[in-house]
């Protein structure tokens, strides 16, 4: 049976397909990918709601020019989307070296030692709690962004998609 759920599997070590059992040497890469996609999904959920209320200056970004946030993709294909692609590509290139050397160094998946506001706790127990919170919120955001986009498509309205 491809999907398994037993006593050893819970919301902390969620792996219903068994990737960790089949490829334990790739476990750090799987966690890194899960954290990266979770962080992107958390930003995407905010990025889908905020433009419903606030827009940056410029006629091409106004509520009259783009009444629905989902229409922004097609309307701004030649302008803003190129900039978004550039920034995403830059972020991917900057993390490439860390990903390729992950198993050879003492770097935990998702840890780039970037904490300019000092939010990461110094206590090891609090660090583990913070990591688990980020993982679970990222998983929730990955599901949420799919639901938000489809809710906007089906309803034809912006946030709150009713």
C-alpha atoms as a PDB file:
ATOM      1  CA  UNK A   1       0.000   0.000   0.000  1.00  0.00           C
ATOM      2  CA  UNK A   2       1.672   3.251  -1.067  1.00  0.00           C
ATOM      3  CA  UNK A   3       0.191   5.477   1.643  1.00  0.00           C
ATOM      4  CA  UNK A   4       1.012   4.373   5.155  1.00  0.00           C
ATOM      5  CA  UNK A   5       0.067   5.912   8.462  1.00  0.00           C
ATOM      6  CA  UNK A   6       1.057   4.216  11.679  1.00  0.00           C
ATOM      7  CA  UNK A   7       2.250   4.861  15.198  1.00  0.00           C
ATOM      8  CA  UNK A   8       5.686   6.034  14.033  1.00  0.00           C
ATOM      9  CA  UNK A   9       4.223   8.588  11.627  1.00  0.00           C
ATOM     10  CA  UNK A  10       2.688  11.740  13.012  1.00  0.00           C
ATOM     11  CA  UNK A  11       2.409  15.394  12.035  1.00  0.00           C
ATOM     12  CA  UNK A  12       6.042  15.978  12.987  1.00  0.00           C
ATOM     13  CA  UNK A  13       7.582  13.355  10.703  1.00  0.00           C
ATOM     14  CA  UNK A  14       4.873  13.298   8.045  1.00  0.00           C
ATOM     15  CA  UNK A  15       5.921  10.990   5.206  1.00  0.00           C
ATOM     16  CA  UNK A  16       2.912   9.008   3.975  1.00  0.00           C
ATOM     17  CA  UNK A  17       4.634   7.815   0.779  1.00  0.00           C
ATOM     18  CA  UNK A  18       7.788   6.655   2.564  1.00  0.00           C
ATOM     19  CA  UNK A  19      10.462   8.775   0.870  1.00  0.00           C
ATOM     20  CA  UNK A  20      12.628   8.699   4.000  1.00  0.00           C
ATOM     21  CA  UNK A  21      12.574   4.895   4.104  1.00  0.00           C
ATOM     22  CA  UNK A  22      13.372   4.516   0.406  1.00  0.00           C
ATOM     23  CA  UNK A  23      16.124   7.155   0.190  1.00  0.00           C
ATOM     24  CA  UNK A  24      17.557   7.998   3.619  1.00  0.00           C
ATOM     25  CA  UNK A  25      20.621   9.610   2.017  1.00  0.00           C
ATOM     26  CA  UNK A  26      18.325  12.225   0.431  1.00  0.00           C
ATOM     27  CA  UNK A  27      16.547  13.087   3.690  1.00  0.00           C
ATOM     28  CA  UNK A  28      18.358  16.421   4.151  1.00  0.00           C
ATOM     29  CA  UNK A  29      17.540  17.418   0.579  1.00  0.00           C
ATOM     30  CA  UNK A  30      13.873  16.509   1.082  1.00  0.00           C
ATOM     31  CA  UNK A  31      13.709  18.622   4.247  1.00  0.00           C
ATOM     32  CA  UNK A  32      15.495  21.504   2.526  1.00  0.00           C
ATOM     33  CA  UNK A  33      12.994  21.389  -0.342  1.00  0.00           C
ATOM     34  CA  UNK A  34      10.053  21.205   2.062  1.00  0.00           C
ATOM     35  CA  UNK A  35      11.297  24.231   4.008  1.00  0.00           C
ATOM     36  CA  UNK A  36      12.009  26.226   0.842  1.00  0.00           C
ATOM     37  CA  UNK A  37       8.581  25.522  -0.626  1.00  0.00           C
ATOM     38  CA  UNK A  38       6.930  26.228   2.721  1.00  0.00           C
ATOM     39  CA  UNK A  39       8.678  29.594   3.006  1.00  0.00           C
ATOM     40  CA  UNK A  40       7.692  30.479  -0.549  1.00  0.00           C
ATOM     41  CA  UNK A  41       4.095  29.447   0.118  1.00  0.00           C
ATOM     42  CA  UNK A  42       3.962  31.568   3.292  1.00  0.00           C
ATOM     43  CA  UNK A  43       5.140  34.580   1.281  1.00  0.00           C
ATOM     44  CA  UNK A  44       2.700  33.739  -1.518  1.00  0.00           C
ATOM     45  CA  UNK A  45      -0.307  33.680   0.821  1.00  0.00           C
ATOM     46  CA  UNK A  46       0.582  37.154   2.050  1.00  0.00           C
ATOM     47  CA  UNK A  47       1.305  38.265  -1.512  1.00  0.00           C
ATOM     48  CA  UNK A  48      -2.114  37.121  -2.669  1.00  0.00           C
ATOM     49  CA  UNK A  49      -4.069  38.909   0.081  1.00  0.00           C
ATOM     50  CA  UNK A  50      -2.187  42.215   0.512  1.00  0.00           C
ATOM     51  CA  UNK A  51      -2.689  43.483  -3.096  1.00  0.00           C
ATOM     52  CA  UNK A  52      -6.444  43.201  -2.569  1.00  0.00           C
ATOM     53  CA  UNK A  53      -6.150  46.138  -0.152  1.00  0.00           C
ATOM     54  CA  UNK A  54      -2.927  48.009  -0.987  1.00  0.00           C
ATOM     55  CA  UNK A  55      -1.269  48.635  -4.353  1.00  0.00           C
ATOM     56  CA  UNK A  56       2.043  50.205  -5.247  1.00  0.00           C
ATOM     57  CA  UNK A  57       1.883  53.546  -7.070  1.00  0.00           C
ATOM     58  CA  UNK A  58       1.454  53.580 -10.821  1.00  0.00           C
ATOM     59  CA  UNK A  59      -1.434  53.476 -13.243  1.00  0.00           C
ATOM     60  CA  UNK A  60      -0.599  49.961 -14.449  1.00  0.00           C
ATOM     61  CA  UNK A  61      -0.904  48.618 -10.887  1.00  0.00           C
ATOM     62  CA  UNK A  62      -4.126  50.447  -9.942  1.00  0.00           C
ATOM     63  CA  UNK A  63      -7.340  48.761  -8.853  1.00  0.00           C
ATOM     64  CA  UNK A  64      -8.999  49.987 -12.070  1.00  0.00           C
ATOM     65  CA  UNK A  65      -6.312  48.482 -14.314  1.00  0.00           C
ATOM     66  CA  UNK A  66      -6.182  45.173 -12.449  1.00  0.00           C
ATOM     67  CA  UNK A  67      -9.344  44.599 -10.389  1.00  0.00           C
ATOM     68  CA  UNK A  68      -8.490  40.974  -9.546  1.00  0.00           C
ATOM     69  CA  UNK A  69      -5.072  39.964  -8.212  1.00  0.00           C
ATOM     70  CA  UNK A  70      -5.049  36.793 -10.317  1.00  0.00           C
ATOM     71  CA  UNK A  71      -5.308  38.937 -13.463  1.00  0.00           C
ATOM     72  CA  UNK A  72      -2.015  40.633 -12.549  1.00  0.00           C
ATOM     73  CA  UNK A  73      -0.026  37.702 -13.908  1.00  0.00           C
ATOM     74  CA  UNK A  74      -1.284  38.157 -17.446  1.00  0.00           C
ATOM     75  CA  UNK A  75      -1.577  41.958 -17.317  1.00  0.00           C
ATOM     76  CA  UNK A  76       1.974  42.494 -16.053  1.00  0.00           C
ATOM     77  CA  UNK A  77       3.699  39.737 -18.009  1.00  0.00           C
ATOM     78  CA  UNK A  78       6.104  42.086 -19.784  1.00  0.00           C
ATOM     79  CA  UNK A  79       6.972  44.229 -16.769  1.00  0.00           C
ATOM     80  CA  UNK A  80       6.737  42.987 -13.195  1.00  0.00           C
ATOM     81  CA  UNK A  81       6.825  39.275 -13.956  1.00  0.00           C
ATOM     82  CA  UNK A  82      10.312  39.584 -15.422  1.00  0.00           C
ATOM     83  CA  UNK A  83      11.473  41.237 -12.213  1.00  0.00           C
ATOM     84  CA  UNK A  84       9.886  38.490 -10.110  1.00  0.00           C
ATOM     85  CA  UNK A  85      11.605  35.846 -12.256  1.00  0.00           C
ATOM     86  CA  UNK A  86      14.920  37.662 -11.817  1.00  0.00           C
ATOM     87  CA  UNK A  87      14.634  37.755  -8.004  1.00  0.00           C
ATOM     88  CA  UNK A  88      13.541  34.115  -7.764  1.00  0.00           C
ATOM     89  CA  UNK A  89      16.427  33.064 -10.012  1.00  0.00           C
ATOM     90  CA  UNK A  90      18.861  35.073  -7.913  1.00  0.00           C
ATOM     91  CA  UNK A  91      17.625  33.389  -4.722  1.00  0.00           C
ATOM     92  CA  UNK A  92      17.976  29.955  -6.315  1.00  0.00           C
ATOM     93  CA  UNK A  93      21.504  30.659  -7.549  1.00  0.00           C
ATOM     94  CA  UNK A  94      22.550  31.953  -4.131  1.00  0.00           C
ATOM     95  CA  UNK A  95      21.373  28.748  -2.425  1.00  0.00           C
ATOM     96  CA  UNK A  96      22.875  26.375  -5.011  1.00  0.00           C
ATOM     97  CA  UNK A  97      26.283  26.150  -3.310  1.00  0.00           C
ATOM     98  CA  UNK A  98      24.707  25.482   0.072  1.00  0.00           C
ATOM     99  CA  UNK A  99      22.480  22.755  -1.383  1.00  0.00           C
ATOM    100  CA  UNK A 100      25.274  20.991  -3.232  1.00  0.00           C
ATOM    101  CA  UNK A 101      27.441  20.846  -0.088  1.00  0.00           C
ATOM    102  CA  UNK A 102      24.726  20.179   2.475  1.00  0.00           C
ATOM    103  CA  UNK A 103      25.805  16.680   3.496  1.00  0.00           C
ATOM    104  CA  UNK A 104      29.500  17.594   3.655  1.00  0.00           C
ATOM    105  CA  UNK A 105      29.161  20.389   6.224  1.00  0.00           C
ATOM    106  CA  UNK A 106      27.427  20.929   9.556  1.00  0.00           C
ATOM    107  CA  UNK A 107      24.578  22.925   8.028  1.00  0.00           C
ATOM    108  CA  UNK A 108      21.073  21.873   8.961  1.00  0.00           C
ATOM    109  CA  UNK A 109      18.479  21.879   6.165  1.00  0.00           C
ATOM    110  CA  UNK A 110      16.989  25.329   5.750  1.00  0.00           C
ATOM    111  CA  UNK A 111      19.627  27.028   7.923  1.00  0.00           C
ATOM    112  CA  UNK A 112      21.433  29.767   6.015  1.00  0.00           C
ATOM    113  CA  UNK A 113      22.509  31.633   9.192  1.00  0.00           C
ATOM    114  CA  UNK A 114      20.452  34.617   8.055  1.00  0.00           C
ATOM    115  CA  UNK A 115      18.646  36.182  11.001  1.00  0.00           C
ATOM    116  CA  UNK A 116      19.015  39.966  10.742  1.00  0.00           C
ATOM    117  CA  UNK A 117      16.264  40.662  13.292  1.00  0.00           C
ATOM    118  CA  UNK A 118      17.513  38.138  15.849  1.00  0.00           C
ATOM    119  CA  UNK A 119      14.283  36.133  16.057  1.00  0.00           C
ATOM    120  CA  UNK A 120      15.954  32.727  16.278  1.00  0.00           C
ATOM    121  CA  UNK A 121      16.188  31.662  19.949  1.00  0.00           C
ATOM    122  CA  UNK A 122      19.473  30.667  21.573  1.00  0.00           C
ATOM    123  CA  UNK A 123      17.974  27.916  23.758  1.00  0.00           C
ATOM    124  CA  UNK A 124      18.190  24.526  21.942  1.00  0.00           C
ATOM    125  CA  UNK A 125      14.698  23.475  23.094  1.00  0.00           C
ATOM    126  CA  UNK A 126      13.232  26.745  21.806  1.00  0.00           C
ATOM    127  CA  UNK A 127      15.169  26.300  18.542  1.00  0.00           C
ATOM    128  CA  UNK A 128      13.572  22.899  17.966  1.00  0.00           C
ATOM    129  CA  UNK A 129      10.153  24.359  18.770  1.00  0.00           C
ATOM    130  CA  UNK A 130      10.739  27.205  16.288  1.00  0.00           C
ATOM    131  CA  UNK A 131      11.846  24.749  13.574  1.00  0.00           C
ATOM    132  CA  UNK A 132       8.740  22.630  14.102  1.00  0.00           C
ATOM    133  CA  UNK A 133       6.501  25.704  13.969  1.00  0.00           C
ATOM    134  CA  UNK A 134       8.093  26.814  10.700  1.00  0.00           C
ATOM    135  CA  UNK A 135       7.714  23.339   9.212  1.00  0.00           C
ATOM    136  CA  UNK A 136       4.042  23.024  10.170  1.00  0.00           C
ATOM    137  CA  UNK A 137       3.171  26.579   9.118  1.00  0.00           C
ATOM    138  CA  UNK A 138       4.933  25.974   5.807  1.00  0.00           C
ATOM    139  CA  UNK A 139       2.919  22.810   5.226  1.00  0.00           C
ATOM    140  CA  UNK A 140      -0.278  24.681   6.021  1.00  0.00           C
ATOM    141  CA  UNK A 141       0.694  27.521   3.681  1.00  0.00           C
ATOM    142  CA  UNK A 142       1.401  25.097   0.816  1.00  0.00           C
ATOM    143  CA  UNK A 143      -2.135  23.748   1.093  1.00  0.00           C
ATOM    144  CA  UNK A 144      -3.596  27.214   1.742  1.00  0.00           C
ATOM    145  CA  UNK A 145      -2.141  28.891  -1.342  1.00  0.00           C
ATOM    146  CA  UNK A 146      -3.640  26.206  -3.561  1.00  0.00           C
ATOM    147  CA  UNK A 147      -7.021  26.675  -1.910  1.00  0.00           C
ATOM    148  CA  UNK A 148      -6.795  30.449  -2.129  1.00  0.00           C
ATOM    149  CA  UNK A 149      -5.951  30.446  -5.828  1.00  0.00           C
ATOM    150  CA  UNK A 150      -8.686  27.973  -6.675  1.00  0.00           C
ATOM    151  CA  UNK A 151     -11.158  29.839  -4.478  1.00  0.00           C
ATOM    152  CA  UNK A 152     -10.377  33.031  -6.380  1.00  0.00           C
ATOM    153  CA  UNK A 153     -10.734  31.258  -9.733  1.00  0.00           C
ATOM    154  CA  UNK A 154     -14.034  29.575  -8.863  1.00  0.00           C
ATOM    155  CA  UNK A 155     -15.626  32.575  -7.158  1.00  0.00           C
ATOM    156  CA  UNK A 156     -14.232  35.203  -9.519  1.00  0.00           C
ATOM    157  CA  UNK A 157     -13.729  37.498  -6.526  1.00  0.00           C
ATOM    158  CA  UNK A 158     -10.760  38.619  -4.529  1.00  0.00           C
ATOM    159  CA  UNK A 159     -10.137  37.993  -0.871  1.00  0.00           C
ATOM    160  CA  UNK A 160     -12.095  36.597   1.065  1.00  0.00           C
ATOM    161  CA  UNK A 161     -13.129  34.625  -2.055  1.00  0.00           C
ATOM    162  CA  UNK A 162     -16.861  34.552  -1.301  1.00  0.00           C
END
